[in-house]
Amino acid sequence: TGHNFGELLRTIDSLQLTASQGLATPANWKPGDACMVLPETSTAEVKERLAKGVDVMQVPSGKEYLRFTPDPRGRE
């Protein structure tokens, strides 16, 4: 008792997104927010698979660090 039902639904949405799309959700993520691409997925595969594209954050060395993409389900 005492748990936030909205938080439970958000957690289920996050798990389903990870299982179905291979994306991770950052802290405080809400449906419709940007998702993170899993490290084991190549950038080429992401660009081919995700129609909404991917934003890549690089570290000063030029290596890719974090990759974000809009929620592919497009809902809020």
C-alpha atoms as a PDB file:
ATOM      1  CA  THR A   1       0.000   0.000   0.000  1.00  0.00           C
ATOM      2  CA  GLY A   2       1.000   3.605  -0.361  1.00  0.00           C
ATOM      3  CA  HIS A   3       2.633   3.175  -3.765  1.00  0.00           C
ATOM      4  CA  ASN A   4       2.006   5.594  -6.589  1.00  0.00           C
ATOM      5  CA  PHE A   5      -0.057   3.834  -9.269  1.00  0.00           C
ATOM      6  CA  GLY A   6       1.215   6.233 -11.956  1.00  0.00           C
ATOM      7  CA  GLU A   7       4.790   5.229 -11.122  1.00  0.00           C
ATOM      8  CA  LEU A   8       3.861   1.566 -11.484  1.00  0.00           C
ATOM      9  CA  LEU A   9       2.382   2.211 -14.958  1.00  0.00           C
ATOM     10  CA  ARG A  10       5.475   4.217 -15.956  1.00  0.00           C
ATOM     11  CA  THR A  11       7.696   1.311 -14.901  1.00  0.00           C
ATOM     12  CA  ILE A  12       5.649  -1.169 -16.932  1.00  0.00           C
ATOM     13  CA  ASP A  13       5.785   1.154 -19.974  1.00  0.00           C
ATOM     14  CA  SER A  14       9.561   1.383 -19.594  1.00  0.00           C
ATOM     15  CA  LEU A  15      10.001  -2.394 -19.367  1.00  0.00           C
ATOM     16  CA  GLN A  16       7.777  -2.972 -22.403  1.00  0.00           C
ATOM     17  CA  LEU A  17       9.693  -0.361 -24.407  1.00  0.00           C
ATOM     18  CA  THR A  18      12.995  -2.012 -23.533  1.00  0.00           C
ATOM     19  CA  ALA A  19      11.711  -5.487 -24.423  1.00  0.00           C
ATOM     20  CA  SER A  20      10.017  -4.518 -27.686  1.00  0.00           C
ATOM     21  CA  GLN A  21      12.306  -1.778 -29.067  1.00  0.00           C
ATOM     22  CA  GLY A  22      15.693  -2.424 -27.456  1.00  0.00           C
ATOM     23  CA  LEU A  23      15.751   1.020 -25.843  1.00  0.00           C
ATOM     24  CA  ALA A  24      16.454   2.067 -22.282  1.00  0.00           C
ATOM     25  CA  THR A  25      14.742   4.810 -20.343  1.00  0.00           C
ATOM     26  CA  PRO A  26      16.689   7.368 -18.285  1.00  0.00           C
ATOM     27  CA  ALA A  27      15.818   8.478 -14.759  1.00  0.00           C
ATOM     28  CA  ASN A  28      12.521  10.361 -14.485  1.00  0.00           C
ATOM     29  CA  TRP A  29      11.483   9.184 -17.960  1.00  0.00           C
ATOM     30  CA  LYS A  30       7.832   9.564 -18.917  1.00  0.00           C
ATOM     31  CA  PRO A  31       6.056   8.105 -21.974  1.00  0.00           C
ATOM     32  CA  GLY A  32       6.797  10.396 -24.915  1.00  0.00           C
ATOM     33  CA  ASP A  33      10.222  11.480 -23.593  1.00  0.00           C
ATOM     34  CA  ALA A  34      13.463  10.608 -25.371  1.00  0.00           C
ATOM     35  CA  CYS A  35      14.844   7.108 -24.860  1.00  0.00           C
ATOM     36  CA  MET A  36      18.415   5.883 -24.738  1.00  0.00           C
ATOM     37  CA  VAL A  37      19.808   3.417 -27.269  1.00  0.00           C
ATOM     38  CA  LEU A  38      21.343   0.335 -25.653  1.00  0.00           C
ATOM     39  CA  PRO A  39      25.162   0.195 -25.881  1.00  0.00           C
ATOM     40  CA  GLU A  40      25.195  -3.155 -27.688  1.00  0.00           C
ATOM     41  CA  THR A  41      23.229  -1.680 -30.618  1.00  0.00           C
ATOM     42  CA  SER A  42      25.395  -0.167 -33.358  1.00  0.00           C
ATOM     43  CA  THR A  43      24.702   3.384 -34.528  1.00  0.00           C
ATOM     44  CA  ALA A  44      24.255   2.098 -38.098  1.00  0.00           C
ATOM     45  CA  GLU A  45      21.586  -0.351 -36.925  1.00  0.00           C
ATOM     46  CA  VAL A  46      19.835   2.375 -34.945  1.00  0.00           C
ATOM     47  CA  LYS A  47      19.751   4.758 -37.908  1.00  0.00           C
ATOM     48  CA  GLU A  48      18.296   1.977 -40.063  1.00  0.00           C
ATOM     49  CA  ARG A  49      15.747   0.740 -37.509  1.00  0.00           C
ATOM     50  CA  LEU A  50      14.477   3.943 -35.906  1.00  0.00           C
ATOM     51  CA  ALA A  51      12.625   6.259 -38.283  1.00  0.00           C
ATOM     52  CA  LYS A  52      12.831   9.227 -35.904  1.00  0.00           C
ATOM     53  CA  GLY A  53      16.626   9.189 -35.951  1.00  0.00           C
ATOM     54  CA  VAL A  54      19.194   9.305 -33.191  1.00  0.00           C
ATOM     55  CA  ASP A  55      21.081  12.108 -31.425  1.00  0.00           C
ATOM     56  CA  VAL A  56      24.626  11.174 -30.445  1.00  0.00           C
ATOM     57  CA  MET A  57      26.468  12.824 -27.541  1.00  0.00           C
ATOM     58  CA  GLN A  58      30.236  12.548 -27.818  1.00  0.00           C
ATOM     59  CA  VAL A  59      32.977  12.807 -25.218  1.00  0.00           C
ATOM     60  CA  PRO A  60      35.929  15.171 -25.904  1.00  0.00           C
ATOM     61  CA  SER A  61      37.873  12.313 -27.520  1.00  0.00           C
ATOM     62  CA  GLY A  62      35.180  12.143 -30.222  1.00  0.00           C
ATOM     63  CA  LYS A  63      33.887   8.738 -29.180  1.00  0.00           C
ATOM     64  CA  GLU A  64      30.152   8.208 -28.961  1.00  0.00           C
ATOM     65  CA  TYR A  65      28.914   8.307 -25.387  1.00  0.00           C
ATOM     66  CA  LEU A  66      25.120   8.426 -25.185  1.00  0.00           C
ATOM     67  CA  ARG A  67      22.610   8.034 -27.977  1.00  0.00           C
ATOM     68  CA  PHE A  68      19.048   9.284 -27.635  1.00  0.00           C
ATOM     69  CA  THR A  69      15.999   8.833 -29.836  1.00  0.00           C
ATOM     70  CA  PRO A  70      12.432  10.069 -29.493  1.00  0.00           C
ATOM     71  CA  ASP A  71       9.941   7.577 -28.032  1.00  0.00           C
ATOM     72  CA  PRO A  72       9.140   5.423 -31.108  1.00  0.00           C
ATOM     73  CA  ARG A  73       5.573   4.968 -29.904  1.00  0.00           C
ATOM     74  CA  GLY A  74       5.053   8.726 -30.174  1.00  0.00           C
ATOM     75  CA  ARG A  75       2.677   8.985 -27.260  1.00  0.00           C
ATOM     76  CA  GLU A  76       2.586  11.180 -24.229  1.00  0.00           C
END
